Amino acid sequence: MTTDKEHLQWMLNRLADVHGENRNVDYMMRMQKIIDNTETELNLHLVSSCSNERADKLEERINQLGKHLGYAPMS
């Protein structure tokens, strides 16, 4: 399953690469800006089916990866 951000990027790329839309027109630039400002989301339905211990380990690992990438830790 893809995130909303990935899906929007796929749509933008398809408009440009398949349908020949110019990436420099206002609505394409606006769509890219929306994509760039969209937070990636965690698939919470996967976490909710985990045990608390497993969810804590997953959150810890996500925080480690986020720190490595320069993101603030999850609360």
Protein backbone atom coordinates (compact mmCIF):
# COMPACT_ATOMS: atom_id res chain seq x y z
CA MET A 1 0.00 0.00 0.00
CA THR A 2 1.33 3.41 -0.90
CA THR A 3 1.09 6.58 1.15
CA ASP A 4 -0.95 9.57 0.00
CA LYS A 5 2.31 11.37 -0.76
CA GLU A 6 3.57 8.55 -2.98
CA HIS A 7 0.23 8.35 -4.78
CA LEU A 8 0.13 12.09 -5.44
CA GLN A 9 3.70 11.97 -6.76
CA TRP A 10 2.73 9.08 -9.05
CA MET A 11 -0.23 11.12 -10.34
CA LEU A 12 1.95 14.17 -10.99
CA ASN A 13 4.57 12.08 -12.78
CA ARG A 14 1.88 10.40 -14.89
CA LEU A 15 0.40 13.76 -15.88
CA ALA A 16 3.84 14.93 -16.99
CA ASP A 17 5.35 11.76 -18.43
CA VAL A 18 2.32 10.06 -19.98
CA HIS A 19 -0.01 12.94 -20.78
CA GLY A 20 2.68 15.52 -21.58
CA GLU A 21 1.64 18.15 -19.04
CA ASN A 22 4.26 20.83 -18.48
CA ARG A 23 5.67 20.69 -14.92
CA ASN A 24 6.18 24.48 -15.00
CA VAL A 25 2.50 25.46 -15.23
CA ASP A 26 0.86 26.80 -12.10
CA TYR A 27 -1.31 23.80 -11.20
CA MET A 28 1.55 21.31 -11.66
CA MET A 29 3.89 23.44 -9.56
CA ARG A 30 1.16 23.79 -6.91
CA MET A 31 0.64 20.02 -6.87
CA GLN A 32 4.39 19.46 -6.41
CA LYS A 33 4.39 21.97 -3.54
CA ILE A 34 1.50 20.10 -1.89
CA ILE A 35 3.39 16.81 -2.31
CA ASP A 36 6.58 18.28 -0.90
CA ASN A 37 4.71 19.60 2.16
CA THR A 38 2.78 16.38 2.79
CA GLU A 39 4.04 14.42 5.77
CA THR A 40 4.60 10.74 5.19
CA GLU A 41 2.23 8.69 7.26
CA LEU A 42 2.74 5.49 9.18
CA ASN A 43 0.36 2.68 8.34
CA LEU A 44 -1.33 2.73 11.74
CA HIS A 45 -3.49 -0.31 11.00
CA LEU A 46 -0.31 -2.39 11.00
CA VAL A 47 0.81 -0.99 14.35
CA SER A 48 -2.61 -1.37 15.96
CA SER A 49 -2.53 -5.12 15.35
CA CYS A 50 0.84 -5.45 17.13
CA SER A 51 1.41 -6.15 20.78
CA ASN A 52 2.38 -3.15 22.90
CA GLU A 53 5.92 -4.47 23.24
CA ARG A 54 6.26 -4.91 19.51
CA ALA A 55 4.71 -1.50 18.83
CA ASP A 56 7.19 0.10 21.27
CA LYS A 57 10.08 -1.56 19.43
CA LEU A 58 8.69 -0.39 16.10
CA GLU A 59 8.34 3.17 17.38
CA GLU A 60 11.91 3.04 18.72
CA ARG A 61 13.22 1.88 15.35
CA ILE A 62 11.23 4.56 13.51
CA ASN A 63 12.70 7.19 15.84
CA GLN A 64 16.22 5.87 15.17
CA LEU A 65 15.67 6.06 11.43
CA GLY A 66 14.08 9.50 11.74
CA LYS A 67 17.00 10.78 13.80
CA HIS A 68 19.37 9.46 11.16
CA LEU A 69 17.39 11.34 8.50
CA GLY A 70 17.14 14.51 10.63
CA TYR A 71 13.46 14.27 11.65
CA ALA A 72 12.07 15.00 15.11
CA PRO A 73 11.17 11.90 17.17
CA MET A 74 7.60 10.61 17.31
CA SER A 75 5.75 11.57 20.49
